Amino acid sequence: MRQDRTPQELRPITVTPGFNRFAEGSALVVWGHTQVLATVTIENKLPPHLRNKKTREGWLSAEYAMLPRSTPERVQRERLYSGGRSLEIQRLIGRSLRGAVDLGLFTGKTLLVDVDVLQADGGTRCAGILAGYAALHNAADGLVQAGVLSEWPLTHEVAAVSVGLVRGEALVDLEFSEDSEAELDLNVVATSSGELIEVQGGAEGKPVAAETYVQLIAQGLGAVQEVLGRIRGTL
């Protein structure tokens, strides 16, 4: 049983937009003891796989990394190539954020979202998606105010929340101690209107009933709406 919050209660969340003075957009997210910084860079070129295609849309790509002392024991830097876990997470972040941006307004451009974990205590990919969305919002503010864009480029509010079964109990927003012993762990990515973008995860040992899986997704959808409601006035 949780000692400091109820099974469906989220940890405290704060968002600081514009945290990095040099990036086109940035945001620091503090979610419980997890801290994530996201920055947005806009490049005037498309990635190689789109350069020879007749497309009027831009592209969004994400990179994810954990700083060496973001965990109790030092994490080795991924100097040349990202490891399998980092690649999986950055692809999830990229897919999630592409669902929030009208890339038709960025013809010939690439939005690069860098997500760096400063301190990890569970839910780093969810905090990364939230930080990425907040950084994009910060970039959009600057582009519209500067007259670079004549219309708002974000089409959806997007966030993600982890849900899981821990010792048979359904929990929302798992911290590391809960995540490490969960029988089922899901990351639910969705919009503020309740539309699903992705559900990532599964059972760690025994299979679970389909009704339980659906129930957890529903709880995740509700938690996403709560997260976005909390931060809406701070962006």
Protein backbone atom coordinates (compact mmCIF):
# COMPACT_ATOMS: atom_id res chain seq x y z
CA MET A 1 0.00 0.00 0.00
CA ARG A 2 1.19 3.49 -0.80
CA GLN A 3 2.04 5.53 2.26
CA ASP A 4 2.12 9.03 0.73
CA ARG A 5 -0.69 9.01 -1.85
CA THR A 6 -3.76 7.06 -2.95
CA PRO A 7 -3.58 4.41 -5.71
CA GLN A 8 -5.04 6.81 -8.32
CA GLU A 9 -3.18 9.92 -7.17
CA LEU A 10 -0.50 11.56 -9.29
CA ARG A 11 2.79 12.79 -7.90
CA PRO A 12 3.36 16.59 -7.82
CA ILE A 13 4.17 18.00 -11.28
CA THR A 14 5.75 21.34 -12.14
CA VAL A 15 6.66 22.68 -15.58
CA THR A 16 9.10 25.53 -16.22
CA PRO A 17 8.88 26.66 -19.86
CA GLY A 18 11.77 28.55 -21.43
CA PHE A 19 14.30 26.91 -19.09
CA ASN A 20 17.06 26.95 -21.74
CA ARG A 21 17.80 30.43 -23.10
CA PHE A 22 19.37 29.23 -26.37
CA ALA A 23 16.85 26.71 -27.70
CA GLU A 24 13.89 27.69 -29.89
CA GLY A 25 11.73 26.09 -27.21
CA SER A 26 12.44 24.36 -23.90
CA ALA A 27 10.85 23.13 -20.68
CA LEU A 28 11.93 21.54 -17.42
CA VAL A 29 9.50 19.02 -15.94
CA VAL A 30 9.75 17.93 -12.31
CA TRP A 31 7.44 14.96 -11.73
CA GLY A 32 7.84 13.64 -8.21
CA HIS A 33 11.58 13.03 -7.95
CA THR A 34 11.97 12.62 -11.71
CA GLN A 35 13.43 15.64 -13.50
CA VAL A 36 13.55 15.96 -17.30
CA LEU A 37 14.71 18.78 -19.57
CA ALA A 38 13.48 19.03 -23.18
CA THR A 39 14.72 21.44 -25.85
CA VAL A 40 13.48 22.09 -29.39
CA THR A 41 15.80 22.89 -32.29
CA ILE A 42 14.43 23.78 -35.74
CA GLU A 43 16.63 22.78 -38.67
CA ASN A 44 16.09 24.05 -42.23
CA LYS A 45 16.33 20.60 -43.75
CA LEU A 46 14.51 17.29 -43.79
CA PRO A 47 15.96 13.95 -42.68
CA PRO A 48 17.46 11.79 -45.46
CA HIS A 49 14.42 9.49 -45.74
CA LEU A 50 12.21 12.46 -46.75
CA ARG A 51 14.52 14.57 -48.90
CA ASN A 52 13.70 12.90 -52.21
CA LYS A 53 9.98 12.60 -51.57
CA LYS A 54 7.43 15.11 -52.81
CA THR A 55 6.08 16.19 -49.45
CA ARG A 56 5.04 19.58 -48.15
CA GLU A 57 5.24 18.45 -44.55
CA GLY A 58 8.12 18.88 -42.18
CA TRP A 59 9.29 16.27 -39.70
CA LEU A 60 9.72 15.84 -35.96
CA SER A 61 12.37 13.63 -34.41
CA ALA A 62 13.28 13.01 -30.77
CA GLU A 63 16.43 11.96 -28.96
CA TYR A 64 16.50 10.66 -25.38
CA ALA A 65 19.34 10.24 -22.93
CA MET A 66 19.94 9.79 -19.21
CA LEU A 67 22.70 11.80 -17.56
CA PRO A 68 25.36 9.71 -15.80
CA ARG A 69 24.15 10.46 -12.25
CA SER A 70 20.43 10.54 -12.97
CA THR A 71 20.27 7.22 -11.05
CA PRO A 72 21.75 5.94 -7.76
CA GLU A 73 24.58 4.29 -9.71
CA ARG A 74 26.33 6.06 -12.57
CA VAL A 75 24.86 5.44 -16.03
CA GLN A 76 27.43 5.05 -18.81
CA ARG A 77 27.20 7.77 -21.47
CA GLU A 78 26.02 6.57 -24.88
CA ARG A 79 28.75 8.38 -26.80
CA LEU A 80 28.38 7.01 -30.32
CA TYR A 81 25.13 5.06 -30.52
CA SER A 82 22.03 4.97 -28.37
CA GLY A 83 21.27 1.72 -26.57
CA GLY A 84 18.15 -0.33 -27.22
CA ARG A 85 16.18 1.18 -24.33
CA SER A 86 17.03 4.75 -25.34
CA LEU A 87 16.08 4.07 -28.97
CA GLU A 88 12.76 2.56 -27.90
CA ILE A 89 11.94 5.55 -25.69
CA GLN A 90 12.99 8.23 -28.17
CA ARG A 91 10.90 6.60 -30.89
CA LEU A 92 7.92 6.61 -28.52
CA ILE A 93 8.49 10.28 -27.73
CA GLY A 94 8.80 11.12 -31.44
CA ARG A 95 5.59 9.27 -32.36
CA SER A 96 3.73 10.90 -29.47
CA LEU A 97 4.79 14.44 -30.32
CA ARG A 98 4.22 14.09 -34.07
CA GLY A 99 0.57 13.57 -33.11
CA ALA A 100 0.53 17.04 -31.53
CA VAL A 101 2.01 19.18 -34.32
CA ASP A 102 0.72 20.32 -37.70
CA LEU A 103 3.88 19.48 -39.64
CA GLY A 104 2.34 21.02 -42.77
CA LEU A 105 3.33 24.39 -41.29
CA PHE A 106 7.01 23.39 -41.25
CA THR A 107 7.70 22.66 -44.91
CA GLY A 108 11.31 21.63 -45.45
CA LYS A 109 12.10 21.80 -41.73
CA THR A 110 12.86 19.30 -38.97
CA LEU A 111 11.87 19.81 -35.34
CA LEU A 112 14.47 18.10 -33.15
CA VAL A 113 13.30 17.44 -29.59
CA ASP A 114 16.13 16.53 -27.21
CA VAL A 115 14.98 14.94 -23.97
CA ASP A 116 17.54 14.57 -21.17
CA VAL A 117 16.80 12.90 -17.83
CA LEU A 118 18.49 14.82 -15.01
CA GLN A 119 17.12 12.60 -12.24
CA ALA A 120 15.14 9.37 -12.57
CA ASP A 121 12.56 7.92 -10.19
CA GLY A 122 10.18 6.14 -12.53
CA GLY A 123 8.08 7.46 -15.39
CA THR A 124 10.98 9.04 -17.31
CA ARG A 125 9.40 8.41 -20.71
CA CYS A 126 6.10 9.93 -19.54
CA ALA A 127 7.92 12.95 -18.11
CA GLY A 128 9.88 13.11 -21.37
CA ILE A 129 6.72 13.27 -23.46
CA LEU A 130 5.28 15.98 -21.21
CA ALA A 131 8.53 17.97 -21.31
CA GLY A 132 8.68 17.60 -25.09
CA TYR A 133 5.11 18.83 -25.48
CA ALA A 134 5.77 21.78 -23.14
CA ALA A 135 8.95 22.65 -25.06
CA LEU A 136 7.03 22.57 -28.36
CA HIS A 137 4.38 24.84 -26.82
CA ASN A 138 7.15 27.22 -25.76
CA ALA A 139 8.61 27.16 -29.29
CA ALA A 140 5.18 27.74 -30.83
CA ASP A 141 4.67 30.80 -28.62
CA GLY A 142 7.91 32.30 -29.85
CA LEU A 143 7.27 31.53 -33.52
CA VAL A 144 3.77 33.03 -33.48
CA GLN A 145 4.81 36.11 -31.51
CA ALA A 146 7.74 36.70 -33.89
CA GLY A 147 5.43 36.43 -36.91
CA VAL A 148 7.27 33.38 -38.28
CA LEU A 149 4.00 31.44 -38.12
CA SER A 150 0.62 33.00 -38.75
CA GLU A 151 -1.34 30.19 -37.08
CA TRP A 152 -0.97 28.02 -34.00
CA PRO A 153 0.94 24.83 -34.94
CA LEU A 154 -0.10 22.52 -32.10
CA THR A 155 -3.16 20.46 -32.93
CA HIS A 156 -3.54 18.55 -29.64
CA GLU A 157 -2.51 18.67 -26.01
CA VAL A 158 -0.50 15.50 -25.37
CA ALA A 159 0.76 13.75 -22.25
CA ALA A 160 1.48 10.24 -20.96
CA VAL A 161 1.00 8.48 -17.63
CA SER A 162 2.17 5.09 -16.39
CA VAL A 163 -0.30 2.64 -14.88
CA GLY A 164 0.26 -0.83 -13.53
CA LEU A 165 -0.56 -3.71 -11.24
CA VAL A 166 1.66 -3.90 -8.17
CA ARG A 167 0.97 -6.82 -5.80
CA GLY A 168 -2.46 -7.08 -7.39
CA GLU A 169 -3.34 -3.42 -6.87
CA ALA A 170 -4.03 -1.02 -9.76
CA LEU A 171 -1.79 2.04 -9.44
CA VAL A 172 -1.50 5.24 -11.45
CA ASP A 173 1.84 7.06 -11.96
CA LEU A 174 4.36 4.47 -10.82
CA GLU A 175 7.59 5.57 -9.15
CA PHE A 176 10.69 3.40 -9.52
CA SER A 177 10.12 1.21 -6.46
CA GLU A 178 6.65 0.33 -7.79
CA ASP A 179 7.66 -0.01 -11.42
CA SER A 180 10.45 -2.45 -10.55
CA GLU A 181 8.02 -4.96 -9.03
CA ALA A 182 4.95 -4.41 -11.20
CA GLU A 183 3.18 -7.47 -12.63
CA LEU A 184 1.81 -5.28 -15.42
CA ASP A 185 3.19 -1.92 -16.51
CA LEU A 186 1.67 0.30 -19.22
CA ASN A 187 2.44 3.77 -20.52
CA VAL A 188 -0.70 5.45 -21.83
CA VAL A 189 -0.14 8.31 -24.29
CA ALA A 190 -3.22 10.36 -25.12
CA THR A 191 -4.71 13.77 -25.82
CA SER A 192 -6.71 16.00 -23.51
CA SER A 193 -9.89 14.95 -25.33
CA GLY A 194 -9.30 11.30 -24.46
CA GLU A 195 -7.97 10.08 -27.80
CA LEU A 196 -5.29 7.39 -27.57
CA ILE A 197 -1.97 7.84 -29.33
CA GLU A 198 -0.20 4.77 -28.00
CA VAL A 199 -0.23 2.19 -25.22
CA GLN A 200 3.16 0.68 -24.51
CA GLY A 201 3.94 -2.18 -22.15
CA GLY A 202 2.53 -5.48 -20.97
CA ALA A 203 2.59 -8.20 -18.35
CA GLU A 204 5.91 -9.10 -16.70
CA GLY A 205 4.98 -12.62 -15.59
CA LYS A 206 1.52 -14.13 -15.55
CA PRO A 207 -1.04 -13.13 -18.19
CA VAL A 208 -3.74 -10.71 -17.06
CA ALA A 209 -7.42 -10.57 -17.90
CA ALA A 210 -8.42 -8.36 -20.81
CA GLU A 211 -10.83 -6.47 -18.54
CA THR A 212 -7.93 -5.53 -16.24
CA TYR A 213 -5.91 -4.25 -19.20
CA VAL A 214 -8.82 -2.14 -20.42
CA GLN A 215 -9.48 -0.84 -16.89
CA LEU A 216 -5.89 0.32 -16.54
CA ILE A 217 -5.99 2.08 -19.92
CA ALA A 218 -9.16 3.90 -18.83
CA GLN A 219 -7.43 5.00 -15.62
CA GLY A 220 -4.46 6.16 -17.66
CA LEU A 221 -6.70 8.23 -19.94
CA GLY A 222 -8.23 9.95 -16.93
CA ALA A 223 -4.80 10.62 -15.47
CA VAL A 224 -3.56 12.14 -18.75
CA GLN A 225 -6.45 14.61 -18.68
CA GLU A 226 -5.58 15.47 -15.08
CA VAL A 227 -1.92 16.08 -15.96
CA LEU A 228 -2.82 18.39 -18.83
CA GLY A 229 -5.33 20.23 -16.67
CA ARG A 230 -2.67 20.82 -14.03
CA ILE A 231 -0.09 22.32 -16.39
CA ARG A 232 -2.37 24.22 -18.78
CA GLY A 233 -2.01 27.54 -16.99
CA THR A 234 1.77 27.33 -16.74
CA LEU A 235 2.64 26.99 -20.45
